[in-house]
């Protein structure tokens, strides 16, 4: 993984949720709806945020356009984007397990 892609780590929640939702084909508005649903309304992505992020991620090779209809583009994560997401999930998982260990909580209880 190159340094440009490593610059995404640790990922912002916006980038994380965009890549997470783009494991399947989605368009911008669909991504915004999915993220809001997944986070139970905690994160509401605005159009400026989402389209700026999509543009950057496409330029960096993390996602690609797979269709366009009536100026509505559909995107999906590339293998590189999926690899980055897996690395971030592993990083978050390590943090979670370490926090549970420090708090004396057995992961299997949760």
N, C-alpha and C. Protein backbone atom coordinates (compact mmCIF):
# COMPACT_ATOMS: atom_id res chain seq x y z
N UNK A 1 0.87 -1.18 0.00
CA UNK A 1 0.00 0.00 0.00
C UNK A 1 0.90 1.23 0.00
N UNK A 2 0.60 2.17 -0.88
CA UNK A 2 1.48 3.32 -1.01
C UNK A 2 1.20 4.39 0.06
N UNK A 3 2.13 5.34 0.17
CA UNK A 3 2.03 6.38 1.20
C UNK A 3 0.78 7.24 1.05
N UNK A 4 0.37 7.49 -0.19
CA UNK A 4 -0.84 8.30 -0.40
C UNK A 4 -2.05 7.61 0.22
N UNK A 5 -2.14 6.32 0.03
CA UNK A 5 -3.26 5.57 0.58
C UNK A 5 -3.12 5.45 2.09
N UNK A 6 -1.90 5.24 2.58
CA UNK A 6 -1.68 5.19 4.03
C UNK A 6 -2.07 6.50 4.70
N UNK A 7 -2.06 7.59 3.94
CA UNK A 7 -2.42 8.88 4.52
C UNK A 7 -3.88 8.89 4.98
N UNK A 8 -4.68 7.94 4.52
CA UNK A 8 -6.07 7.83 4.96
C UNK A 8 -6.17 7.24 6.38
N UNK A 9 -5.10 6.60 6.84
CA UNK A 9 -5.12 5.95 8.15
C UNK A 9 -4.58 6.87 9.24
N UNK A 10 -5.18 6.97 10.40
CA UNK A 10 -6.50 6.41 10.68
C UNK A 10 -7.57 7.15 9.89
N UNK A 11 -8.61 6.43 9.53
CA UNK A 11 -9.64 6.99 8.67
C UNK A 11 -10.59 7.90 9.44
N UNK A 12 -11.09 8.89 8.73
CA UNK A 12 -12.18 9.68 9.30
C UNK A 12 -13.43 8.80 9.27
N UNK A 13 -14.39 9.13 10.09
CA UNK A 13 -15.63 8.37 10.05
C UNK A 13 -16.30 8.49 8.69
N UNK A 14 -16.22 9.66 8.08
CA UNK A 14 -16.81 9.85 6.76
C UNK A 14 -16.21 8.87 5.76
N UNK A 15 -14.90 8.83 5.67
CA UNK A 15 -14.23 7.93 4.72
C UNK A 15 -14.54 6.48 5.05
N UNK A 16 -14.51 6.14 6.34
CA UNK A 16 -14.80 4.77 6.77
C UNK A 16 -16.18 4.33 6.30
N UNK A 17 -17.18 5.14 6.60
CA UNK A 17 -18.54 4.75 6.25
C UNK A 17 -18.79 4.78 4.74
N UNK A 18 -18.13 5.66 4.03
CA UNK A 18 -18.27 5.64 2.57
C UNK A 18 -17.72 4.33 2.03
N UNK A 19 -16.51 3.96 2.43
CA UNK A 19 -15.94 2.69 1.94
C UNK A 19 -16.76 1.49 2.41
N UNK A 20 -17.26 1.55 3.63
CA UNK A 20 -18.07 0.45 4.14
C UNK A 20 -19.32 0.26 3.29
N UNK A 21 -20.02 1.35 2.99
CA UNK A 21 -21.24 1.23 2.20
C UNK A 21 -20.93 0.87 0.75
N UNK A 22 -19.75 1.24 0.27
CA UNK A 22 -19.40 0.96 -1.13
C UNK A 22 -18.82 -0.44 -1.34
N UNK A 23 -19.05 -1.34 -0.41
CA UNK A 23 -18.73 -2.73 -0.67
C UNK A 23 -19.77 -3.31 -1.64
N UNK A 24 -20.85 -2.55 -1.82
CA UNK A 24 -21.86 -2.83 -2.85
C UNK A 24 -22.05 -1.54 -3.64
N UNK A 25 -22.55 -1.66 -4.84
CA UNK A 25 -22.76 -0.48 -5.70
C UNK A 25 -23.78 0.45 -5.05
N UNK A 26 -23.41 1.71 -4.96
CA UNK A 26 -24.29 2.73 -4.40
C UNK A 26 -24.06 4.04 -5.16
N UNK A 27 -25.02 4.91 -5.11
CA UNK A 27 -24.86 6.26 -5.62
C UNK A 27 -24.84 7.20 -4.42
N UNK A 28 -24.47 8.46 -4.64
CA UNK A 28 -24.23 9.40 -3.56
C UNK A 28 -25.34 9.50 -2.55
N UNK A 29 -26.57 9.72 -3.01
CA UNK A 29 -27.68 9.86 -2.08
C UNK A 29 -27.91 8.57 -1.30
N UNK A 30 -27.74 7.44 -1.96
CA UNK A 30 -27.88 6.14 -1.29
C UNK A 30 -26.84 5.96 -0.20
N UNK A 31 -25.63 6.44 -0.44
CA UNK A 31 -24.57 6.38 0.57
C UNK A 31 -24.99 7.21 1.78
N UNK A 32 -25.48 8.42 1.53
CA UNK A 32 -25.89 9.31 2.63
C UNK A 32 -26.98 8.64 3.46
N UNK A 33 -27.95 8.01 2.81
CA UNK A 33 -29.03 7.33 3.53
C UNK A 33 -28.51 6.14 4.33
N UNK A 34 -27.63 5.35 3.72
CA UNK A 34 -27.09 4.17 4.40
C UNK A 34 -26.28 4.56 5.64
N UNK A 35 -25.46 5.58 5.50
CA UNK A 35 -24.63 6.02 6.64
C UNK A 35 -25.53 6.51 7.77
N UNK A 36 -26.52 7.29 7.44
CA UNK A 36 -27.44 7.79 8.48
C UNK A 36 -28.15 6.63 9.17
N UNK A 37 -28.56 5.64 8.39
CA UNK A 37 -29.24 4.47 8.95
C UNK A 37 -28.29 3.64 9.82
N UNK A 38 -27.09 3.36 9.31
CA UNK A 38 -26.11 2.56 10.06
C UNK A 38 -25.75 3.20 11.39
N UNK A 39 -25.65 4.52 11.40
CA UNK A 39 -25.23 5.23 12.62
C UNK A 39 -26.43 5.71 13.45
N UNK A 40 -27.62 5.25 13.08
CA UNK A 40 -28.85 5.62 13.78
C UNK A 40 -29.01 7.14 13.89
N UNK A 41 -28.64 7.82 12.80
CA UNK A 41 -28.80 9.26 12.73
C UNK A 41 -27.66 10.08 13.32
N UNK A 42 -26.67 9.41 13.90
CA UNK A 42 -25.55 10.14 14.51
C UNK A 42 -24.73 10.88 13.46
N UNK A 43 -24.57 10.27 12.28
CA UNK A 43 -23.82 10.90 11.20
C UNK A 43 -24.77 11.16 10.04
N UNK A 44 -24.86 12.43 9.67
CA UNK A 44 -25.66 12.83 8.51
C UNK A 44 -24.71 13.55 7.56
N UNK A 45 -24.38 12.88 6.48
CA UNK A 45 -23.45 13.45 5.51
C UNK A 45 -24.17 14.42 4.58
N UNK A 46 -23.60 15.59 4.44
CA UNK A 46 -24.15 16.56 3.50
C UNK A 46 -23.61 16.30 2.10
N UNK A 47 -24.29 16.88 1.12
CA UNK A 47 -23.90 16.68 -0.28
C UNK A 47 -22.47 17.14 -0.53
N UNK A 48 -22.07 18.28 0.01
CA UNK A 48 -20.72 18.78 -0.19
C UNK A 48 -19.67 17.83 0.36
N UNK A 49 -19.94 17.30 1.54
CA UNK A 49 -19.02 16.36 2.18
C UNK A 49 -18.90 15.08 1.37
N UNK A 50 -20.04 14.52 1.01
CA UNK A 50 -20.02 13.23 0.32
C UNK A 50 -19.38 13.33 -1.05
N UNK A 51 -19.75 14.36 -1.82
CA UNK A 51 -19.22 14.42 -3.18
C UNK A 51 -17.76 14.84 -3.20
N UNK A 52 -17.32 15.64 -2.25
CA UNK A 52 -15.90 15.95 -2.14
C UNK A 52 -15.09 14.70 -1.80
N UNK A 53 -15.61 13.91 -0.85
CA UNK A 53 -14.94 12.66 -0.47
C UNK A 53 -14.92 11.66 -1.61
N UNK A 54 -16.05 11.52 -2.30
CA UNK A 54 -16.11 10.58 -3.43
C UNK A 54 -15.12 10.97 -4.51
N UNK A 55 -15.01 12.25 -4.79
CA UNK A 55 -14.08 12.73 -5.81
C UNK A 55 -12.64 12.40 -5.44
N UNK A 56 -12.28 12.68 -4.20
CA UNK A 56 -10.91 12.40 -3.74
C UNK A 56 -10.64 10.90 -3.75
N UNK A 57 -11.58 10.11 -3.25
CA UNK A 57 -11.38 8.67 -3.19
C UNK A 57 -11.29 8.06 -4.59
N UNK A 58 -12.06 8.59 -5.51
CA UNK A 58 -11.98 8.10 -6.89
C UNK A 58 -10.62 8.44 -7.49
N UNK A 59 -10.17 9.67 -7.28
CA UNK A 59 -8.87 10.11 -7.79
C UNK A 59 -7.73 9.25 -7.22
N UNK A 60 -7.88 8.84 -5.95
CA UNK A 60 -6.84 8.05 -5.29
C UNK A 60 -6.98 6.54 -5.55
N UNK A 61 -7.99 6.15 -6.32
CA UNK A 61 -8.13 4.74 -6.69
C UNK A 61 -8.79 3.85 -5.65
N UNK A 62 -9.48 4.46 -4.68
CA UNK A 62 -10.14 3.67 -3.65
C UNK A 62 -11.54 3.23 -4.07
N UNK A 63 -12.14 4.00 -4.95
CA UNK A 63 -13.46 3.68 -5.47
C UNK A 63 -13.46 3.95 -6.97
N UNK A 64 -14.47 3.42 -7.66
CA UNK A 64 -14.59 3.69 -9.09
C UNK A 64 -16.05 3.86 -9.45
N UNK A 65 -16.27 4.60 -10.51
CA UNK A 65 -17.61 4.79 -11.05
C UNK A 65 -17.95 3.55 -11.87
N UNK A 66 -19.12 2.98 -11.62
CA UNK A 66 -19.52 1.78 -12.37
C UNK A 66 -20.76 2.02 -13.21
N UNK A 67 -21.32 3.21 -13.12
CA UNK A 67 -22.48 3.54 -13.94
C UNK A 67 -22.87 4.99 -13.76
N UNK A 68 -23.58 5.49 -14.75
CA UNK A 68 -24.06 6.86 -14.65
C UNK A 68 -25.38 6.94 -15.41
N UNK A 69 -26.39 7.46 -14.72
CA UNK A 69 -27.70 7.60 -15.32
C UNK A 69 -28.30 8.92 -14.86
N UNK A 70 -28.68 9.76 -15.80
CA UNK A 70 -29.23 11.08 -15.47
C UNK A 70 -28.32 11.85 -14.51
N UNK A 71 -27.05 11.87 -14.81
CA UNK A 71 -26.03 12.57 -14.01
C UNK A 71 -25.85 11.98 -12.61
N UNK A 72 -26.44 10.83 -12.36
CA UNK A 72 -26.30 10.15 -11.08
C UNK A 72 -25.30 9.02 -11.24
N UNK A 73 -24.13 9.17 -10.61
CA UNK A 73 -23.08 8.17 -10.72
C UNK A 73 -23.24 7.10 -9.65
N UNK A 74 -22.95 5.87 -10.04
CA UNK A 74 -22.91 4.76 -9.09
C UNK A 74 -21.46 4.39 -8.87
N UNK A 75 -21.12 4.09 -7.63
CA UNK A 75 -19.74 3.80 -7.24
C UNK A 75 -19.65 2.44 -6.55
N UNK A 76 -18.44 1.91 -6.54
CA UNK A 76 -18.12 0.73 -5.75
C UNK A 76 -16.66 0.85 -5.32
N UNK A 77 -16.33 0.24 -4.20
CA UNK A 77 -14.95 0.24 -3.73
C UNK A 77 -14.10 -0.63 -4.65
N UNK A 78 -12.87 -0.20 -4.88
CA UNK A 78 -11.90 -1.01 -5.62
C UNK A 78 -11.27 -1.99 -4.64
N UNK A 79 -10.45 -2.89 -5.13
CA UNK A 79 -9.74 -3.82 -4.25
C UNK A 79 -8.86 -3.03 -3.27
N UNK A 80 -8.24 -1.96 -3.76
CA UNK A 80 -7.40 -1.12 -2.89
C UNK A 80 -8.25 -0.49 -1.78
N UNK A 81 -9.44 0.00 -2.15
CA UNK A 81 -10.32 0.58 -1.15
C UNK A 81 -10.77 -0.44 -0.13
N UNK A 82 -11.07 -1.64 -0.58
CA UNK A 82 -11.49 -2.71 0.34
C UNK A 82 -10.35 -3.12 1.25
N UNK A 83 -9.12 -3.13 0.72
CA UNK A 83 -7.94 -3.45 1.53
C UNK A 83 -7.76 -2.39 2.62
N UNK A 84 -7.91 -1.14 2.25
CA UNK A 84 -7.80 -0.05 3.22
C UNK A 84 -8.86 -0.19 4.30
N UNK A 85 -10.08 -0.52 3.92
CA UNK A 85 -11.16 -0.71 4.89
C UNK A 85 -10.83 -1.85 5.84
N UNK A 86 -10.31 -2.96 5.33
CA UNK A 86 -9.95 -4.08 6.19
C UNK A 86 -8.87 -3.69 7.19
N UNK A 87 -7.89 -2.90 6.75
CA UNK A 87 -6.85 -2.43 7.66
C UNK A 87 -7.43 -1.56 8.77
N UNK A 88 -8.36 -0.70 8.40
CA UNK A 88 -8.98 0.18 9.39
C UNK A 88 -9.85 -0.62 10.36
N UNK A 89 -10.57 -1.61 9.87
CA UNK A 89 -11.38 -2.46 10.76
C UNK A 89 -10.48 -3.19 11.74
N UNK A 90 -9.33 -3.69 11.29
CA UNK A 90 -8.39 -4.36 12.18
C UNK A 90 -7.86 -3.39 13.24
N UNK A 91 -7.58 -2.15 12.83
CA UNK A 91 -7.08 -1.15 13.78
C UNK A 91 -8.14 -0.83 14.84
N UNK A 92 -9.37 -0.64 14.40
CA UNK A 92 -10.46 -0.35 15.33
C UNK A 92 -10.71 -1.53 16.25
N UNK A 93 -10.65 -2.73 15.70
CA UNK A 93 -10.85 -3.95 16.49
C UNK A 93 -9.79 -4.06 17.59
N UNK A 94 -8.55 -3.77 17.23
CA UNK A 94 -7.47 -3.80 18.22
C UNK A 94 -7.75 -2.80 19.35
N UNK A 95 -8.18 -1.60 18.97
CA UNK A 95 -8.50 -0.59 19.98
C UNK A 95 -9.62 -1.08 20.90
N UNK A 96 -10.65 -1.64 20.33
CA UNK A 96 -11.78 -2.14 21.10
C UNK A 96 -11.33 -3.22 22.08
N UNK A 97 -10.58 -4.21 21.58
CA UNK A 97 -10.13 -5.30 22.45
C UNK A 97 -9.20 -4.80 23.55
N UNK A 98 -8.32 -3.87 23.22
CA UNK A 98 -7.43 -3.30 24.23
C UNK A 98 -8.22 -2.54 25.29
N UNK A 99 -9.23 -1.79 24.87
CA UNK A 99 -10.06 -1.05 25.82
C UNK A 99 -10.81 -2.00 26.74
N UNK A 100 -11.35 -3.07 26.17
CA UNK A 100 -12.08 -4.05 26.99
C UNK A 100 -11.13 -4.71 27.99
N UNK A 101 -9.91 -5.01 27.55
CA UNK A 101 -8.92 -5.62 28.43
C UNK A 101 -8.56 -4.68 29.58
N UNK A 102 -8.34 -3.43 29.26
CA UNK A 102 -7.97 -2.45 30.29
C UNK A 102 -9.12 -2.20 31.27
N UNK A 103 -10.32 -2.33 30.81
CA UNK A 103 -11.49 -2.13 31.67
C UNK A 103 -11.87 -3.42 32.40
N UNK A 104 -11.16 -4.51 32.11
CA UNK A 104 -11.44 -5.78 32.77
C UNK A 104 -12.72 -6.42 32.30
N UNK A 105 -13.11 -6.10 31.08
CA UNK A 105 -14.34 -6.65 30.52
C UNK A 105 -13.98 -7.78 29.56
N UNK A 106 -14.59 -8.90 29.74
CA UNK A 106 -14.37 -10.04 28.85
C UNK A 106 -15.15 -9.79 27.56
N UNK A 107 -14.45 -9.77 26.42
CA UNK A 107 -15.08 -9.52 25.12
C UNK A 107 -16.27 -10.45 24.87
N UNK A 108 -16.18 -11.68 25.37
CA UNK A 108 -17.24 -12.64 25.10
C UNK A 108 -18.52 -12.32 25.85
N UNK A 109 -18.45 -11.43 26.82
CA UNK A 109 -19.66 -10.99 27.54
C UNK A 109 -20.45 -10.02 26.70
N UNK A 110 -19.84 -9.46 25.63
CA UNK A 110 -20.50 -8.44 24.81
C UNK A 110 -20.80 -8.95 23.44
